Protein backbone atom coordinates (compact mmCIF):
# COMPACT_ATOMS: atom_id res chain seq x y z
CA MET A 1 -75.94 -36.88 61.54
CA ILE A 2 -77.99 -34.12 60.00
CA LEU A 3 -76.49 -34.62 56.72
CA SER A 4 -77.19 -38.45 57.23
CA LEU A 5 -80.71 -37.87 57.90
CA ASN A 6 -81.41 -35.62 55.09
CA ALA A 7 -79.90 -38.17 52.67
CA GLU A 8 -82.14 -40.79 54.20
CA ILE A 9 -85.20 -38.58 53.84
CA LYS A 10 -84.22 -37.55 50.28
CA GLU A 11 -83.87 -41.24 49.32
CA ARG A 12 -87.25 -42.20 50.95
CA VAL A 13 -89.13 -39.42 49.22
CA GLU A 14 -87.46 -40.58 45.74
CA MET A 15 -88.83 -44.04 46.53
CA ILE A 16 -92.29 -42.85 47.28
CA GLN A 17 -92.23 -40.61 43.92
CA ARG A 18 -91.15 -43.89 41.81
CA GLY A 19 -94.24 -45.43 43.61
CA GLU A 20 -91.91 -47.90 45.84
CA VAL A 21 -92.90 -48.54 49.23
CA PRO A 22 -89.85 -47.75 51.66
CA GLU A 23 -89.30 -50.02 54.74
CA GLY A 24 -91.73 -48.90 57.56
CA TYR A 25 -94.20 -47.54 55.37
CA LYS A 26 -97.38 -48.99 53.38
CA LYS A 27 -99.48 -48.47 50.38
CA THR A 28 -103.23 -47.37 51.08
CA LYS A 29 -105.75 -45.95 48.65
CA VAL A 30 -104.70 -42.37 50.01
CA GLY A 31 -101.05 -43.10 49.11
CA ILE A 32 -97.93 -44.25 50.81
CA ILE A 33 -98.06 -43.52 54.57
CA PRO A 34 -96.01 -44.90 57.63
CA GLU A 35 -97.31 -48.27 58.86
CA ASP A 36 -98.49 -46.97 62.16
CA TRP A 37 -100.87 -44.41 60.64
CA GLU A 38 -104.42 -45.53 60.07
CA VAL A 39 -106.85 -44.21 57.04
CA MET A 40 -109.92 -42.80 58.44
CA GLU A 41 -113.01 -41.55 56.84
CA LYS A 42 -113.88 -37.92 57.19
CA PRO A 43 -117.10 -37.52 58.75
CA PHE A 44 -119.72 -35.29 57.18
């Protein structure tokens, strides 16, 4: 299981490095992030 998970993570990282958006992720102005995350402005 751990080896399988590590292979999945490695593939996901490689996809992101190539600029591809893995399933469950989205491309935003700050980069590729999980779909359930939100981009928020930093308050000053």
